[in-house]
Amino acid sequence: MSPRTGTGSSTAARVIAVVADIMAFIIILWILMYLLDANRANELVQFVQDSARWLAGWSYDLFTFDAAWARVVAGYGLAAVVYLFVGHAVAGRIRR
């Protein structure tokens, strides 16, 4: 079996996909917390917000909707979709 199609590449692909899923999960969790008006004084909420802001720094405030909730959903949502798409595309490419 060649090294490219062995278990090493399968493991690497799985790790990449899981990391992308975790990144998207954190961002989506923040979107839900924001929409549900979670207590921002809570340490868990602050951690999720800080993590999501760091992960979505490139897309945060990319859109200029009038409603704050729409900016959060669009800006952070875009980052989540990109992480999922790119992470799974790279994982799929590695599995080949």
PDB file of N, CA and C in Angstrom:
ATOM      1  N   MET A   1       0.848  -1.167   0.000  1.00  0.00           N
ATOM      2  CA  MET A   1       0.000   0.000   0.000  1.00  0.00           C
ATOM      3  C   MET A   1       0.900   1.239   0.000  1.00  0.00           C
ATOM      4  N   SER A   2       0.599   2.192  -0.840  1.00  0.00           N
ATOM      5  CA  SER A   2       1.431   3.389  -0.895  1.00  0.00           C
ATOM      6  C   SER A   2       1.155   4.268   0.321  1.00  0.00           C
ATOM      7  N   PRO A   3       2.133   5.087   0.748  1.00  0.00           N
ATOM      8  CA  PRO A   3       1.947   5.921   1.931  1.00  0.00           C
ATOM      9  C   PRO A   3       0.806   6.943   1.758  1.00  0.00           C
ATOM     10  N   ARG A   4       0.552   7.336   0.541  1.00  0.00           N
ATOM     11  CA  ARG A   4      -0.489   8.347   0.301  1.00  0.00           C
ATOM     12  C   ARG A   4      -1.887   7.804   0.578  1.00  0.00           C
ATOM     13  N   THR A   5      -2.098   6.527   0.356  1.00  0.00           N
ATOM     14  CA  THR A   5      -3.412   5.936   0.587  1.00  0.00           C
ATOM     15  C   THR A   5      -3.447   5.102   1.854  1.00  0.00           C
ATOM     16  N   GLY A   6      -2.409   5.173   2.662  1.00  0.00           N
ATOM     17  CA  GLY A   6      -2.357   4.382   3.883  1.00  0.00           C
ATOM     18  C   GLY A   6      -3.153   5.024   5.004  1.00  0.00           C
ATOM     19  N   THR A   7      -3.014   4.420   6.176  1.00  0.00           N
ATOM     20  CA  THR A   7      -3.769   4.899   7.325  1.00  0.00           C
ATOM     21  C   THR A   7      -3.285   6.266   7.793  1.00  0.00           C
ATOM     22  N   GLY A   8      -2.046   6.617   7.508  1.00  0.00           N
ATOM     23  CA  GLY A   8      -1.525   7.924   7.912  1.00  0.00           C
ATOM     24  C   GLY A   8      -2.272   9.066   7.258  1.00  0.00           C
ATOM     25  N   SER A   9      -2.523   8.955   5.967  1.00  0.00           N
ATOM     26  CA  SER A   9      -3.249  10.020   5.274  1.00  0.00           C
ATOM     27  C   SER A   9      -4.709  10.039   5.699  1.00  0.00           C
ATOM     28  N   SER A  10      -5.253   8.862   5.987  1.00  0.00           N
ATOM     29  CA  SER A  10      -6.632   8.792   6.460  1.00  0.00           C
ATOM     30  C   SER A  10      -6.760   9.455   7.835  1.00  0.00           C
ATOM     31  N   THR A  11      -5.789   9.218   8.694  1.00  0.00           N
ATOM     32  CA  THR A  11      -5.783   9.834  10.020  1.00  0.00           C
ATOM     33  C   THR A  11      -5.621  11.344   9.902  1.00  0.00           C
ATOM     34  N   ALA A  12      -4.728  11.789   9.047  1.00  0.00           N
ATOM     35  CA  ALA A  12      -4.526  13.226   8.854  1.00  0.00           C
ATOM     36  C   ALA A  12      -5.791  13.888   8.321  1.00  0.00           C
ATOM     37  N   ALA A  13      -6.441  13.227   7.393  1.00  0.00           N
ATOM     38  CA  ALA A  13      -7.684  13.764   6.841  1.00  0.00           C
ATOM     39  C   ALA A  13      -8.755  13.852   7.913  1.00  0.00           C
ATOM     40  N   ARG A  14      -8.827  12.842   8.743  1.00  0.00           N
ATOM     41  CA  ARG A  14      -9.817  12.820   9.819  1.00  0.00           C
ATOM     42  C   ARG A  14      -9.541  13.944  10.816  1.00  0.00           C
ATOM     43  N   VAL A  15      -8.275  14.170  11.148  1.00  0.00           N
ATOM     44  CA  VAL A  15      -7.895  15.241  12.078  1.00  0.00           C
ATOM     45  C   VAL A  15      -8.258  16.602  11.501  1.00  0.00           C
ATOM     46  N   ILE A  16      -7.978  16.807  10.234  1.00  0.00           N
ATOM     47  CA  ILE A  16      -8.302  18.085   9.582  1.00  0.00           C
ATOM     48  C   ILE A  16      -9.809  18.316   9.591  1.00  0.00           C
ATOM     49  N   ALA A  17     -10.566  17.297   9.274  1.00  0.00           N
ATOM     50  CA  ALA A  17     -12.032  17.428   9.264  1.00  0.00           C
ATOM     51  C   ALA A  17     -12.568  17.710  10.665  1.00  0.00           C
ATOM     52  N   VAL A  18     -12.039  17.053  11.673  1.00  0.00           N
ATOM     53  CA  VAL A  18     -12.489  17.269  13.047  1.00  0.00           C
ATOM     54  C   VAL A  18     -12.134  18.675  13.520  1.00  0.00           C
ATOM     55  N   VAL A  19     -10.948  19.141  13.207  1.00  0.00           N
ATOM     56  CA  VAL A  19     -10.549  20.508  13.589  1.00  0.00           C
ATOM     57  C   VAL A  19     -11.467  21.527  12.923  1.00  0.00           C
ATOM     58  N   ALA A  20     -11.761  21.340  11.648  1.00  0.00           N
ATOM     59  CA  ALA A  20     -12.674  22.248  10.947  1.00  0.00           C
ATOM     60  C   ALA A  20     -14.059  22.214  11.584  1.00  0.00           C
ATOM     61  N   ASP A  21     -14.519  21.023  11.962  1.00  0.00           N
ATOM     62  CA  ASP A  21     -15.823  20.893  12.611  1.00  0.00           C
ATOM     63  C   ASP A  21     -15.847  21.616  13.958  1.00  0.00           C
ATOM     64  N   ILE A  22     -14.779  21.479  14.737  1.00  0.00           N
ATOM     65  CA  ILE A  22     -14.705  22.138  16.042  1.00  0.00           C
ATOM     66  C   ILE A  22     -14.696  23.654  15.876  1.00  0.00           C
ATOM     67  N   MET A  23     -13.936  24.147  14.910  1.00  0.00           N
ATOM     68  CA  MET A  23     -13.892  25.589  14.661  1.00  0.00           C
ATOM     69  C   MET A  23     -15.276  26.116  14.278  1.00  0.00           C
ATOM     70  N   ALA A  24     -15.933  25.409  13.383  1.00  0.00           N
ATOM     71  CA  ALA A  24     -17.279  25.821  12.967  1.00  0.00           C
ATOM     72  C   ALA A  24     -18.260  25.713  14.135  1.00  0.00           C
ATOM     73  N   PHE A  25     -18.134  24.681  14.959  1.00  0.00           N
ATOM     74  CA  PHE A  25     -19.011  24.508  16.118  1.00  0.00           C
ATOM     75  C   PHE A  25     -18.887  25.684  17.081  1.00  0.00           C
ATOM     76  N   ILE A  26     -17.665  26.115  17.357  1.00  0.00           N
ATOM     77  CA  ILE A  26     -17.456  27.251  18.263  1.00  0.00           C
ATOM     78  C   ILE A  26     -18.115  28.504  17.711  1.00  0.00           C
ATOM     79  N   ILE A  27     -17.950  28.732  16.423  1.00  0.00           N
ATOM     80  CA  ILE A  27     -18.549  29.915  15.794  1.00  0.00           C
ATOM     81  C   ILE A  27     -20.069  29.828  15.829  1.00  0.00           C
ATOM     82  N   ILE A  28     -20.607  28.682  15.493  1.00  0.00           N
ATOM     83  CA  ILE A  28     -22.067  28.516  15.497  1.00  0.00           C
ATOM     84  C   ILE A  28     -22.619  28.621  16.918  1.00  0.00           C
ATOM     85  N   LEU A  29     -21.877  28.102  17.883  1.00  0.00           N
ATOM     86  CA  LEU A  29     -22.290  28.222  19.280  1.00  0.00           C
ATOM     87  C   LEU A  29     -22.371  29.689  19.687  1.00  0.00           C
ATOM     88  N   TRP A  30     -21.395  30.489  19.262  1.00  0.00           N
ATOM     89  CA  TRP A  30     -21.441  31.918  19.571  1.00  0.00           C
ATOM     90  C   TRP A  30     -22.647  32.589  18.899  1.00  0.00           C
ATOM     91  N   ILE A  31     -22.926  32.240  17.664  1.00  0.00           N
ATOM     92  CA  ILE A  31     -24.091  32.819  16.983  1.00  0.00           C
ATOM     93  C   ILE A  31     -25.357  32.509  17.781  1.00  0.00           C
ATOM     94  N   LEU A  32     -25.506  31.263  18.213  1.00  0.00           N
ATOM     95  CA  LEU A  32     -26.676  30.872  19.000  1.00  0.00           C
ATOM     96  C   LEU A  32     -26.722  31.616  20.334  1.00  0.00           C
ATOM     97  N   MET A  33     -25.591  31.718  20.999  1.00  0.00           N
ATOM     98  CA  MET A  33     -25.543  32.448  22.266  1.00  0.00           C
ATOM     99  C   MET A  33     -25.924  33.912  22.066  1.00  0.00           C
ATOM    100  N   TYR A  34     -25.452  34.491  20.982  1.00  0.00           N
ATOM    101  CA  TYR A  34     -25.781  35.893  20.695  1.00  0.00           C
ATOM    102  C   TYR A  34     -27.275  36.044  20.432  1.00  0.00           C
ATOM    103  N   LEU A  35     -27.815  35.179  19.596  1.00  0.00           N
ATOM    104  CA  LEU A  35     -29.235  35.273  19.248  1.00  0.00           C
ATOM    105  C   LEU A  35     -30.139  34.998  20.447  1.00  0.00           C
ATOM    106  N   LEU A  36     -29.692  34.140  21.358  1.00  0.00           N
ATOM    107  CA  LEU A  36     -30.475  33.820  22.548  1.00  0.00           C
ATOM    108  C   LEU A  36     -30.166  34.761  23.712  1.00  0.00           C
ATOM    109  N   ASP A  37     -29.344  35.776  23.460  1.00  0.00           N
ATOM    110  CA  ASP A  37     -28.990  36.804  24.437  1.00  0.00           C
ATOM    111  C   ASP A  37     -28.382  36.198  25.703  1.00  0.00           C
ATOM    112  N   ALA A  38     -27.365  35.374  25.497  1.00  0.00           N
ATOM    113  CA  ALA A  38     -26.678  34.738  26.621  1.00  0.00           C
ATOM    114  C   ALA A  38     -25.997  35.796  27.482  1.00  0.00           C
ATOM    115  N   ASN A  39     -25.853  35.505  28.749  1.00  0.00           N
ATOM    116  CA  ASN A  39     -25.242  36.422  29.708  1.00  0.00           C
ATOM    117  C   ASN A  39     -23.763  36.588  29.398  1.00  0.00           C
ATOM    118  N   ARG A  40     -23.378  37.737  28.916  1.00  0.00           N
ATOM    119  CA  ARG A  40     -21.983  37.954  28.501  1.00  0.00           C
ATOM    120  C   ARG A  40     -21.031  38.103  29.668  1.00  0.00           C
ATOM    121  N   ALA A  41     -21.557  38.193  30.886  1.00  0.00           N
ATOM    122  CA  ALA A  41     -20.707  38.223  32.075  1.00  0.00           C
ATOM    123  C   ALA A  41     -20.264  36.814  32.466  1.00  0.00           C
ATOM    124  N   ASN A  42     -20.903  35.797  31.914  1.00  0.00           N
ATOM    125  CA  ASN A  42     -20.560  34.408  32.183  1.00  0.00           C
ATOM    126  C   ASN A  42     -19.232  34.070  31.512  1.00  0.00           C
ATOM    127  N   GLU A  43     -18.374  33.350  32.235  1.00  0.00           N
ATOM    128  CA  GLU A  43     -17.045  33.030  31.706  1.00  0.00           C
ATOM    129  C   GLU A  43     -17.092  32.132  30.477  1.00  0.00           C
ATOM    130  N   LEU A  44     -18.011  31.180  30.451  1.00  0.00           N
ATOM    131  CA  LEU A  44     -18.125  30.309  29.279  1.00  0.00           C
ATOM    132  C   LEU A  44     -18.556  31.108  28.055  1.00  0.00           C
ATOM    133  N   VAL A  45     -19.511  31.990  28.230  1.00  0.00           N
ATOM    134  CA  VAL A  45     -19.978  32.826  27.120  1.00  0.00           C
ATOM    135  C   VAL A  45     -18.843  33.720  26.629  1.00  0.00           C
ATOM    136  N   GLN A  46     -18.092  34.300  27.561  1.00  0.00           N
ATOM    137  CA  GLN A  46     -16.949  35.138  27.178  1.00  0.00           C
ATOM    138  C   GLN A  46     -15.903  34.342  26.420  1.00  0.00           C
ATOM    139  N   PHE A  47     -15.630  33.121  26.881  1.00  0.00           N
ATOM    140  CA  PHE A  47     -14.654  32.272  26.204  1.00  0.00           C
ATOM    141  C   PHE A  47     -15.103  31.949  24.782  1.00  0.00           C
ATOM    142  N   VAL A  48     -16.360  31.565  24.631  1.00  0.00           N
ATOM    143  CA  VAL A  48     -16.883  31.232  23.303  1.00  0.00           C
ATOM    144  C   VAL A  48     -16.852  32.460  22.404  1.00  0.00           C
ATOM    145  N   GLN A  49     -17.240  33.623  22.937  1.00  0.00           N
ATOM    146  CA  GLN A  49     -17.220  34.851  22.140  1.00  0.00           C
ATOM    147  C   GLN A  49     -15.799  35.203  21.711  1.00  0.00           C
ATOM    148  N   ASP A  50     -14.849  35.154  22.642  1.00  0.00           N
ATOM    149  CA  ASP A  50     -13.455  35.470  22.306  1.00  0.00           C
ATOM    150  C   ASP A  50     -12.896  34.496  21.274  1.00  0.00           C
ATOM    151  N   SER A  51     -13.195  33.208  21.448  1.00  0.00           N
ATOM    152  CA  SER A  51     -12.715  32.197  20.504  1.00  0.00           C
ATOM    153  C   SER A  51     -13.321  32.414  19.123  1.00  0.00           C
ATOM    154  N   ALA A  52     -14.623  32.655  19.083  1.00  0.00           N
ATOM    155  CA  ALA A  52     -15.299  32.880  17.801  1.00  0.00           C
ATOM    156  C   ALA A  52     -14.786  34.145  17.129  1.00  0.00           C
ATOM    157  N   ARG A  53     -14.564  35.192  17.905  1.00  0.00           N
ATOM    158  CA  ARG A  53     -14.049  36.437  17.327  1.00  0.00           C
ATOM    159  C   ARG A  53     -12.651  36.211  16.747  1.00  0.00           C
ATOM    160  N   TRP A  54     -11.831  35.418  17.438  1.00  0.00           N
ATOM    161  CA  TRP A  54     -10.494  35.139  16.917  1.00  0.00           C
ATOM    162  C   TRP A  54     -10.574  34.311  15.638  1.00  0.00           C
ATOM    163  N   LEU A  55     -11.431  33.286  15.643  1.00  0.00           N
ATOM    164  CA  LEU A  55     -11.576  32.424  14.470  1.00  0.00           C
ATOM    165  C   LEU A  55     -12.184  33.164  13.281  1.00  0.00           C
ATOM    166  N   ALA A  56     -13.092  34.075  13.548  1.00  0.00           N
ATOM    167  CA  ALA A  56     -13.800  34.781  12.471  1.00  0.00           C
ATOM    168  C   ALA A  56     -13.292  36.213  12.321  1.00  0.00           C
ATOM    169  N   GLY A  57     -12.083  36.467  12.774  1.00  0.00           N
ATOM    170  CA  GLY A  57     -11.532  37.820  12.697  1.00  0.00           C
ATOM    171  C   GLY A  57     -11.524  38.386  11.289  1.00  0.00           C
ATOM    172  N   TRP A  58     -11.314  37.547  10.327  1.00  0.00           N
ATOM    173  CA  TRP A  58     -11.254  38.002   8.926  1.00  0.00           C
ATOM    174  C   TRP A  58     -12.635  38.310   8.357  1.00  0.00           C
ATOM    175  N   SER A  59     -13.692  37.746   8.948  1.00  0.00           N
ATOM    176  CA  SER A  59     -15.024  37.986   8.400  1.00  0.00           C
ATOM    177  C   SER A  59     -15.914  38.796   9.344  1.00  0.00           C
ATOM    178  N   TYR A  60     -15.418  39.044  10.555  1.00  0.00           N
ATOM    179  CA  TYR A  60     -16.183  39.809  11.527  1.00  0.00           C
ATOM    180  C   TYR A  60     -16.384  41.232  11.010  1.00  0.00           C
ATOM    181  N   ASP A  61     -17.583  41.719  11.027  1.00  0.00           N
ATOM    182  CA  ASP A  61     -17.953  43.051  10.516  1.00  0.00           C
ATOM    183  C   ASP A  61     -17.708  43.209   9.017  1.00  0.00           C
ATOM    184  N   LEU A  62     -17.679  42.112   8.294  1.00  0.00           N
ATOM    185  CA  LEU A  62     -17.522  42.171   6.841  1.00  0.00           C
ATOM    186  C   LEU A  62     -18.771  42.745   6.194  1.00  0.00           C
ATOM    187  N   PHE A  63     -19.916  42.429   6.779  1.00  0.00           N
ATOM    188  CA  PHE A  63     -21.192  42.909   6.265  1.00  0.00           C
ATOM    189  C   PHE A  63     -21.695  44.062   7.125  1.00  0.00           C
ATOM    190  N   THR A  64     -22.396  45.001   6.507  1.00  0.00           N
ATOM    191  CA  THR A  64     -22.838  46.195   7.227  1.00  0.00           C
ATOM    192  C   THR A  64     -24.355  46.302   7.268  1.00  0.00           C
ATOM    193  N   PHE A  65     -24.994  45.227   7.702  1.00  0.00           N
ATOM    194  CA  PHE A  65     -26.434  45.268   7.873  1.00  0.00           C
ATOM    195  C   PHE A  65     -26.779  46.234   9.001  1.00  0.00           C
ATOM    196  N   ASP A  66     -27.977  46.782   8.967  1.00  0.00           N
ATOM    197  CA  ASP A  66     -28.407  47.690  10.027  1.00  0.00           C
ATOM    198  C   ASP A  66     -28.628  46.953  11.344  1.00  0.00           C
ATOM    199  N   ALA A  67     -29.182  45.776  11.275  1.00  0.00           N
ATOM    200  CA  ALA A  67     -29.457  44.999  12.484  1.00  0.00           C
ATOM    201  C   ALA A  67     -28.194  44.266  12.937  1.00  0.00           C
ATOM    202  N   ALA A  68     -27.877  44.409  14.221  1.00  0.00           N
ATOM    203  CA  ALA A  68     -26.675  43.769  14.768  1.00  0.00           C
ATOM    204  C   ALA A  68     -26.738  42.252  14.630  1.00  0.00           C
ATOM    205  N   TRP A  69     -27.920  41.661  14.834  1.00  0.00           N
ATOM    206  CA  TRP A  69     -28.036  40.208  14.745  1.00  0.00           C
ATOM    207  C   TRP A  69     -27.706  39.719  13.335  1.00  0.00           C
ATOM    208  N   ALA A  70     -28.065  40.507  12.326  1.00  0.00           N
ATOM    209  CA  ALA A  70     -27.780  40.111  10.947  1.00  0.00           C
ATOM    210  C   ALA A  70     -26.284  40.173  10.662  1.00  0.00           C
ATOM    211  N   ARG A  71     -25.596  41.166  11.232  1.00  0.00           N
ATOM    212  CA  ARG A  71     -24.133  41.246  11.061  1.00  0.00           C
ATOM    213  C   ARG A  71     -23.447  40.047  11.703  1.00  0.00           C
ATOM    214  N   VAL A  72     -23.929  39.663  12.889  1.00  0.00           N
ATOM    215  CA  VAL A  72     -23.338  38.516  13.597  1.00  0.00           C
ATOM    216  C   VAL A  72     -23.579  37.234  12.810  1.00  0.00           C
ATOM    217  N   VAL A  73     -24.802  37.006  12.394  1.00  0.00           N
ATOM    218  CA  VAL A  73     -25.132  35.783  11.665  1.00  0.00           C
ATOM    219  C   VAL A  73     -24.371  35.713  10.345  1.00  0.00           C
ATOM    220  N   ALA A  74     -24.338  36.810   9.598  1.00  0.00           N
ATOM    221  CA  ALA A  74     -23.665  36.809   8.293  1.00  0.00           C
ATOM    222  C   ALA A  74     -22.145  36.727   8.439  1.00  0.00           C
ATOM    223  N   GLY A  75     -21.571  37.551   9.304  1.00  0.00           N
ATOM    224  CA  GLY A  75     -20.115  37.587   9.454  1.00  0.00           C
ATOM    225  C   GLY A  75     -19.548  36.309  10.034  1.00  0.00           C
ATOM    226  N   TYR A  76     -20.108  35.879  11.151  1.00  0.00           N
ATOM    227  CA  TYR A  76     -19.629  34.653  11.773  1.00  0.00           C
ATOM    228  C   TYR A  76     -20.074  33.417  10.991  1.00  0.00           C
ATOM    229  N   GLY A  77     -21.283  33.458  10.458  1.00  0.00           N
ATOM    230  CA  GLY A  77     -21.781  32.329   9.675  1.00  0.00           C
ATOM    231  C   GLY A  77     -20.928  32.057   8.458  1.00  0.00           C
ATOM    232  N   LEU A  78     -20.481  33.126   7.801  1.00  0.00           N
ATOM    233  CA  LEU A  78     -19.592  32.960   6.645  1.00  0.00           C
ATOM    234  C   LEU A  78     -18.314  32.238   7.051  1.00  0.00           C
ATOM    235  N   ALA A  79     -17.734  32.635   8.171  1.00  0.00           N
ATOM    236  CA  ALA A  79     -16.504  31.988   8.638  1.00  0.00           C
ATOM    237  C   ALA A  79     -16.750  30.506   8.911  1.00  0.00           C
ATOM    238  N   ALA A  80     -17.862  30.175   9.553  1.00  0.00           N
ATOM    239  CA  ALA A  80     -18.170  28.775   9.853  1.00  0.00           C
ATOM    240  C   ALA A  80     -18.299  27.948   8.571  1.00  0.00           C
ATOM    241  N   VAL A  81     -18.999  28.502   7.592  1.00  0.00           N
ATOM    242  CA  VAL A  81     -19.186  27.796   6.321  1.00  0.00           C
ATOM    243  C   VAL A  81     -17.852  27.607   5.607  1.00  0.00           C
ATOM    244  N   VAL A  82     -17.026  28.630   5.619  1.00  0.00           N
ATOM    245  CA  VAL A  82     -15.719  28.533   4.954  1.00  0.00           C
ATOM    246  C   VAL A  82     -14.847  27.486   5.640  1.00  0.00           C
ATOM    247  N   TYR A  83     -14.820  27.491   6.974  1.00  0.00           N
ATOM    248  CA  TYR A  83     -14.018  26.490   7.682  1.00  0.00           C
ATOM    249  C   TYR A  83     -14.504  25.077   7.365  1.00  0.00           C
ATOM    250  N   LEU A  84     -15.815  24.882   7.364  1.00  0.00           N
ATOM    251  CA  LEU A  84     -16.344  23.558   7.038  1.00  0.00           C
ATOM    252  C   LEU A  84     -16.010  23.157   5.609  1.00  0.00           C
ATOM    253  N   PHE A  85     -16.240  24.058   4.670  1.00  0.00           N
ATOM    254  CA  PHE A  85     -15.991  23.756   3.258  1.00  0.00           C
ATOM    255  C   PHE A  85     -14.514  23.476   3.002  1.00  0.00           C
ATOM    256  N   VAL A  86     -13.658  24.378   3.441  1.00  0.00           N
ATOM    257  CA  VAL A  86     -12.224  24.219   3.177  1.00  0.00           C
ATOM    258  C   VAL A  86     -11.662  23.018   3.934  1.00  0.00           C
ATOM    259  N   GLY A  87     -12.036  22.875   5.202  1.00  0.00           N
ATOM    260  CA  GLY A  87     -11.521  21.750   5.991  1.00  0.00           C
ATOM    261  C   GLY A  87     -11.889  20.409   5.407  1.00  0.00           C
ATOM    262  N   HIS A  88     -13.139  20.269   5.013  1.00  0.00           N
ATOM    263  CA  HIS A  88     -13.575  18.986   4.448  1.00  0.00           C
ATOM    264  C   HIS A  88     -13.057  18.786   3.024  1.00  0.00           C
ATOM    265  N   ALA A  89     -12.867  19.861   2.274  1.00  0.00           N
ATOM    266  CA  ALA A  89     -12.281  19.731   0.942  1.00  0.00           C
ATOM    267  C   ALA A  89     -10.825  19.274   1.037  1.00  0.00           C
ATOM    268  N   VAL A  90     -10.086  19.862   1.968  1.00  0.00           N
ATOM    269  CA  VAL A  90      -8.689  19.450   2.162  1.00  0.00           C
ATOM    270  C   VAL A  90      -8.641  18.008   2.657  1.00  0.00           C
ATOM    271  N   ALA A  91      -9.509  17.659   3.595  1.00  0.00           N
ATOM    272  CA  ALA A  91      -9.531  16.277   4.099  1.00  0.00           C
ATOM    273  C   ALA A  91      -9.856  15.290   2.984  1.00  0.00           C
ATOM    274  N   GLY A  92     -10.824  15.632   2.152  1.00  0.00           N
ATOM    275  CA  GLY A  92     -11.177  14.775   1.023  1.00  0.00           C
ATOM    276  C   GLY A  92     -10.027  14.630   0.043  1.00  0.00           C
ATOM    277  N   ARG A  93      -9.319  15.695  -0.165  1.00  0.00           N
ATOM    278  CA  ARG A  93      -8.168  15.666  -1.096  1.00  0.00           C
ATOM    279  C   ARG A  93      -7.048  14.774  -0.548  1.00  0.00           C
ATOM    280  N   ILE A  94      -6.850  14.840   0.761  1.00  0.00           N
ATOM    281  CA  ILE A  94      -5.805  14.021   1.384  1.00  0.00           C
ATOM    282  C   ILE A  94      -6.175  12.537   1.332  1.00  0.00           C
ATOM    283  N   ARG A  95      -7.469  12.240   1.474  1.00  0.00           N
ATOM    284  CA  ARG A  95      -7.909  10.834   1.453  1.00  0.00           C
ATOM    285  C   ARG A  95      -7.701  10.181   0.100  1.00  0.00           C
ATOM    286  N   ARG A  96      -7.692  10.947  -0.959  1.00  0.00           N
ATOM    287  CA  ARG A  96      -7.552  10.362  -2.313  1.00  0.00           C
ATOM    288  C   ARG A  96      -6.259   9.690  -2.534  1.00  0.00           C
TER     289      ARG A  96
END
